[in-house]
Amino acid sequence: MSQVDEQILRVLDQVGFPLPPKAIMLGIRERYGEEAAPGANHVSRRVRGPLSEHGLIDRPLPDEARTYYGVTELGERYLHDPDTESEEFVADMDASE
């Protein structure tokens, strides 16, 4: 789990509704500062890849023209359950992607 992955999950959890990758990037910029914000393409790769593949986020509006992502119940558990270890959720996630 990379720092960007954590930021993506926290932004989605904070807003409470699905967002497209560019809006997620803007949320990261707003919450963590411009220097901490990844580019929209990097956010898009992370949400399409590892975060979706591991069930931490999903596409709750699959029929929309734009792709929106929201945090799943599993993602919420990862963020809010202090007894969980990240390995329980993303044992083979590669943070270098």
N, C-alpha and C. Protein backbone atom coordinates (compact mmCIF):
# COMPACT_ATOMS: atom_id res chain seq x y z
N MET A 1 0.85 -1.17 0.00
CA MET A 1 0.00 0.00 0.00
C MET A 1 0.90 1.23 0.00
N SER A 2 0.73 2.06 -1.01
CA SER A 2 1.54 3.26 -1.10
C SER A 2 0.86 4.43 -0.38
N GLN A 3 1.61 5.50 -0.19
CA GLN A 3 1.06 6.69 0.44
C GLN A 3 -0.10 7.24 -0.40
N VAL A 4 0.05 7.20 -1.71
CA VAL A 4 -1.02 7.67 -2.60
C VAL A 4 -2.28 6.82 -2.43
N ASP A 5 -2.11 5.51 -2.31
CA ASP A 5 -3.27 4.62 -2.10
C ASP A 5 -4.03 5.02 -0.84
N GLU A 6 -3.30 5.26 0.21
CA GLU A 6 -3.90 5.68 1.48
C GLU A 6 -4.62 7.01 1.32
N GLN A 7 -4.00 7.95 0.61
CA GLN A 7 -4.63 9.25 0.39
C GLN A 7 -5.91 9.11 -0.43
N ILE A 8 -5.88 8.28 -1.45
CA ILE A 8 -7.07 8.05 -2.28
C ILE A 8 -8.21 7.53 -1.42
N LEU A 9 -7.92 6.51 -0.62
CA LEU A 9 -8.96 5.93 0.25
C LEU A 9 -9.51 6.97 1.23
N ARG A 10 -8.64 7.77 1.81
CA ARG A 10 -9.08 8.76 2.80
C ARG A 10 -9.94 9.85 2.15
N VAL A 11 -9.58 10.29 0.96
CA VAL A 11 -10.39 11.30 0.27
C VAL A 11 -11.77 10.73 -0.07
N LEU A 12 -11.81 9.52 -0.62
CA LEU A 12 -13.10 8.92 -0.96
C LEU A 12 -13.95 8.70 0.29
N ASP A 13 -13.33 8.29 1.36
CA ASP A 13 -14.05 8.08 2.62
C ASP A 13 -14.56 9.41 3.17
N GLN A 14 -13.76 10.42 3.08
CA GLN A 14 -14.13 11.74 3.62
C GLN A 14 -15.32 12.34 2.87
N VAL A 15 -15.31 12.27 1.55
CA VAL A 15 -16.42 12.89 0.80
C VAL A 15 -17.69 12.06 0.87
N GLY A 16 -17.55 10.75 0.96
CA GLY A 16 -18.71 9.89 1.15
C GLY A 16 -19.51 9.57 -0.10
N PHE A 17 -19.00 9.93 -1.27
CA PHE A 17 -19.68 9.58 -2.52
C PHE A 17 -18.63 9.36 -3.61
N PRO A 18 -18.99 8.66 -4.68
CA PRO A 18 -18.02 8.33 -5.73
C PRO A 18 -17.49 9.57 -6.45
N LEU A 19 -16.22 9.49 -6.85
CA LEU A 19 -15.56 10.57 -7.57
C LEU A 19 -14.77 10.01 -8.75
N PRO A 20 -14.59 10.81 -9.80
CA PRO A 20 -13.67 10.40 -10.88
C PRO A 20 -12.23 10.66 -10.44
N PRO A 21 -11.26 10.03 -11.11
CA PRO A 21 -9.86 10.17 -10.70
C PRO A 21 -9.37 11.62 -10.57
N LYS A 22 -9.75 12.50 -11.49
CA LYS A 22 -9.27 13.89 -11.41
C LYS A 22 -9.79 14.57 -10.14
N ALA A 23 -11.04 14.31 -9.78
CA ALA A 23 -11.59 14.90 -8.55
C ALA A 23 -10.89 14.31 -7.32
N ILE A 24 -10.53 13.04 -7.38
CA ILE A 24 -9.78 12.43 -6.27
C ILE A 24 -8.44 13.14 -6.12
N MET A 25 -7.76 13.38 -7.25
CA MET A 25 -6.48 14.08 -7.22
C MET A 25 -6.65 15.47 -6.64
N LEU A 26 -7.71 16.18 -7.02
CA LEU A 26 -7.96 17.52 -6.47
C LEU A 26 -8.24 17.45 -4.97
N GLY A 27 -8.94 16.40 -4.53
CA GLY A 27 -9.20 16.21 -3.11
C GLY A 27 -7.92 15.97 -2.33
N ILE A 28 -7.00 15.20 -2.92
CA ILE A 28 -5.70 14.96 -2.28
C ILE A 28 -4.94 16.28 -2.18
N ARG A 29 -4.97 17.04 -3.25
CA ARG A 29 -4.29 18.34 -3.25
C ARG A 29 -4.85 19.25 -2.16
N GLU A 30 -6.17 19.26 -2.04
CA GLU A 30 -6.83 20.11 -1.04
C GLU A 30 -6.50 19.65 0.39
N ARG A 31 -6.52 18.34 0.58
CA ARG A 31 -6.33 17.79 1.93
C ARG A 31 -4.87 17.75 2.36
N TYR A 32 -3.97 17.39 1.43
CA TYR A 32 -2.57 17.15 1.80
C TYR A 32 -1.59 18.20 1.26
N GLY A 33 -2.06 19.08 0.41
CA GLY A 33 -1.19 20.11 -0.17
C GLY A 33 -0.75 19.76 -1.57
N GLU A 34 -0.45 20.78 -2.32
CA GLU A 34 -0.06 20.63 -3.73
C GLU A 34 1.15 19.71 -3.91
N GLU A 35 2.14 19.85 -3.03
CA GLU A 35 3.36 19.05 -3.18
C GLU A 35 3.13 17.57 -2.94
N ALA A 36 2.08 17.22 -2.22
CA ALA A 36 1.78 15.82 -1.93
C ALA A 36 0.88 15.19 -2.97
N ALA A 37 0.29 16.00 -3.84
CA ALA A 37 -0.71 15.49 -4.78
C ALA A 37 -0.05 14.83 -5.99
N PRO A 38 -0.43 13.60 -6.27
CA PRO A 38 0.04 12.94 -7.48
C PRO A 38 -0.74 13.49 -8.68
N GLY A 39 -0.28 13.19 -9.86
CA GLY A 39 -1.02 13.59 -11.05
C GLY A 39 -2.28 12.75 -11.22
N ALA A 40 -3.21 13.25 -12.01
CA ALA A 40 -4.47 12.54 -12.25
C ALA A 40 -4.22 11.18 -12.91
N ASN A 41 -3.21 11.09 -13.78
CA ASN A 41 -2.90 9.81 -14.43
C ASN A 41 -2.43 8.77 -13.42
N HIS A 42 -1.64 9.21 -12.45
CA HIS A 42 -1.16 8.28 -11.41
C HIS A 42 -2.33 7.80 -10.56
N VAL A 43 -3.21 8.71 -10.18
CA VAL A 43 -4.41 8.33 -9.42
C VAL A 43 -5.24 7.35 -10.23
N SER A 44 -5.42 7.63 -11.49
CA SER A 44 -6.21 6.76 -12.36
C SER A 44 -5.63 5.34 -12.42
N ARG A 45 -4.31 5.25 -12.54
CA ARG A 45 -3.66 3.91 -12.56
C ARG A 45 -3.89 3.17 -11.25
N ARG A 46 -3.80 3.87 -10.12
CA ARG A 46 -3.95 3.22 -8.82
C ARG A 46 -5.39 2.76 -8.59
N VAL A 47 -6.38 3.58 -9.00
CA VAL A 47 -7.77 3.19 -8.77
C VAL A 47 -8.22 2.09 -9.72
N ARG A 48 -7.73 2.11 -10.96
CA ARG A 48 -8.07 1.05 -11.92
C ARG A 48 -7.37 -0.25 -11.58
N GLY A 49 -6.18 -0.14 -11.00
CA GLY A 49 -5.37 -1.32 -10.73
C GLY A 49 -5.51 -1.84 -9.32
N PRO A 50 -4.48 -1.66 -8.52
CA PRO A 50 -4.40 -2.31 -7.21
C PRO A 50 -5.58 -2.05 -6.27
N LEU A 51 -6.05 -0.84 -6.17
CA LEU A 51 -7.13 -0.57 -5.21
C LEU A 51 -8.41 -1.28 -5.60
N SER A 52 -8.72 -1.31 -6.90
CA SER A 52 -9.91 -2.05 -7.36
C SER A 52 -9.69 -3.55 -7.29
N GLU A 53 -8.52 -3.99 -7.72
CA GLU A 53 -8.21 -5.42 -7.74
C GLU A 53 -8.30 -6.04 -6.35
N HIS A 54 -7.97 -5.27 -5.33
CA HIS A 54 -7.99 -5.78 -3.96
C HIS A 54 -9.29 -5.48 -3.22
N GLY A 55 -10.26 -4.91 -3.94
CA GLY A 55 -11.58 -4.70 -3.37
C GLY A 55 -11.71 -3.55 -2.38
N LEU A 56 -10.72 -2.65 -2.37
CA LEU A 56 -10.79 -1.52 -1.44
C LEU A 56 -11.65 -0.38 -1.99
N ILE A 57 -11.76 -0.31 -3.32
CA ILE A 57 -12.67 0.63 -3.96
C ILE A 57 -13.41 -0.12 -5.07
N ASP A 58 -14.50 0.49 -5.54
CA ASP A 58 -15.24 -0.11 -6.64
C ASP A 58 -15.83 0.98 -7.53
N ARG A 59 -16.52 0.55 -8.57
CA ARG A 59 -17.20 1.46 -9.49
C ARG A 59 -18.70 1.31 -9.26
N PRO A 60 -19.27 2.09 -8.36
CA PRO A 60 -20.68 1.92 -8.03
C PRO A 60 -21.64 2.43 -9.10
N LEU A 61 -21.14 3.17 -10.08
CA LEU A 61 -21.97 3.72 -11.15
C LEU A 61 -21.44 3.25 -12.51
N PRO A 62 -21.51 1.95 -12.80
CA PRO A 62 -20.88 1.42 -14.01
C PRO A 62 -21.49 1.92 -15.32
N ASP A 63 -22.71 2.43 -15.28
CA ASP A 63 -23.35 2.88 -16.52
C ASP A 63 -23.09 4.33 -16.87
N GLU A 64 -22.38 5.04 -16.01
CA GLU A 64 -22.06 6.44 -16.28
C GLU A 64 -20.99 6.53 -17.36
N ALA A 65 -21.02 7.62 -18.14
CA ALA A 65 -20.02 7.83 -19.19
C ALA A 65 -18.62 7.99 -18.59
N ARG A 66 -18.52 8.72 -17.48
CA ARG A 66 -17.25 8.86 -16.77
C ARG A 66 -17.15 7.76 -15.74
N THR A 67 -15.93 7.41 -15.39
CA THR A 67 -15.72 6.37 -14.39
C THR A 67 -15.60 7.02 -13.02
N TYR A 68 -16.45 6.57 -12.11
CA TYR A 68 -16.45 7.06 -10.73
C TYR A 68 -16.05 5.92 -9.81
N TYR A 69 -15.31 6.25 -8.76
CA TYR A 69 -14.86 5.26 -7.78
C TYR A 69 -15.32 5.65 -6.39
N GLY A 70 -15.69 4.64 -5.61
CA GLY A 70 -16.07 4.85 -4.22
C GLY A 70 -15.39 3.82 -3.34
N VAL A 71 -15.21 4.16 -2.09
CA VAL A 71 -14.58 3.25 -1.14
C VAL A 71 -15.59 2.15 -0.78
N THR A 72 -15.13 0.93 -0.68
CA THR A 72 -15.99 -0.20 -0.34
C THR A 72 -16.02 -0.41 1.17
N GLU A 73 -16.85 -1.35 1.59
CA GLU A 73 -16.89 -1.72 3.01
C GLU A 73 -15.52 -2.22 3.48
N LEU A 74 -14.86 -2.97 2.62
CA LEU A 74 -13.53 -3.47 2.95
C LEU A 74 -12.55 -2.30 3.09
N GLY A 75 -12.64 -1.31 2.20
CA GLY A 75 -11.80 -0.13 2.29
C GLY A 75 -12.06 0.66 3.56
N GLU A 76 -13.32 0.76 3.95
CA GLU A 76 -13.67 1.44 5.20
C GLU A 76 -13.10 0.70 6.40
N ARG A 77 -13.18 -0.63 6.36
CA ARG A 77 -12.58 -1.40 7.46
C ARG A 77 -11.09 -1.15 7.55
N TYR A 78 -10.43 -1.12 6.40
CA TYR A 78 -8.99 -0.85 6.38
C TYR A 78 -8.69 0.49 7.05
N LEU A 79 -9.50 1.51 6.75
CA LEU A 79 -9.26 2.85 7.28
C LEU A 79 -9.62 3.01 8.75
N HIS A 80 -10.68 2.33 9.19
CA HIS A 80 -11.25 2.64 10.50
C HIS A 80 -11.09 1.58 11.58
N ASP A 81 -10.68 0.38 11.22
CA ASP A 81 -10.52 -0.68 12.22
C ASP A 81 -9.07 -0.69 12.70
N PRO A 82 -8.81 -0.21 13.92
CA PRO A 82 -7.43 -0.10 14.40
C PRO A 82 -6.75 -1.45 14.61
N ASP A 83 -7.51 -2.52 14.64
CA ASP A 83 -6.91 -3.83 14.87
C ASP A 83 -6.49 -4.53 13.59
N THR A 84 -6.75 -3.92 12.43
CA THR A 84 -6.40 -4.57 11.17
C THR A 84 -4.97 -4.26 10.78
N GLU A 85 -4.40 -5.18 10.07
CA GLU A 85 -3.08 -5.00 9.49
C GLU A 85 -3.28 -4.89 7.98
N SER A 86 -2.53 -4.00 7.33
CA SER A 86 -2.74 -3.80 5.90
C SER A 86 -2.53 -5.08 5.11
N GLU A 87 -1.70 -5.98 5.62
CA GLU A 87 -1.44 -7.24 4.92
C GLU A 87 -2.72 -8.08 4.78
N GLU A 88 -3.67 -7.89 5.67
CA GLU A 88 -4.94 -8.62 5.57
C GLU A 88 -5.69 -8.26 4.30
N PHE A 89 -5.49 -7.06 3.83
CA PHE A 89 -6.27 -6.55 2.70
C PHE A 89 -5.50 -6.57 1.39
N VAL A 90 -4.24 -6.30 1.45
CA VAL A 90 -3.47 -6.12 0.22
C VAL A 90 -2.15 -6.88 0.28
N ALA A 91 -2.21 -8.14 0.60
CA ALA A 91 -1.01 -8.93 0.84
C ALA A 91 -0.04 -8.89 -0.32
N ASP A 92 -0.54 -8.83 -1.56
CA ASP A 92 0.39 -8.84 -2.68
C ASP A 92 0.36 -7.54 -3.48
N MET A 93 -0.10 -6.45 -2.88
CA MET A 93 -0.13 -5.17 -3.59
C MET A 93 1.29 -4.65 -3.73
N ASP A 94 1.63 -4.23 -4.94
CA ASP A 94 2.96 -3.70 -5.21
C ASP A 94 2.89 -2.18 -5.17
N ALA A 95 3.51 -1.57 -4.17
CA ALA A 95 3.48 -0.11 -3.98
C ALA A 95 4.25 0.63 -5.05
N SER A 96 5.05 -0.05 -5.83
CA SER A 96 5.85 0.65 -6.83
C SER A 96 5.10 0.90 -8.12
N GLU A 97 3.90 0.39 -8.28
CA GLU A 97 3.14 0.60 -9.52
C GLU A 97 2.74 2.01 -9.70
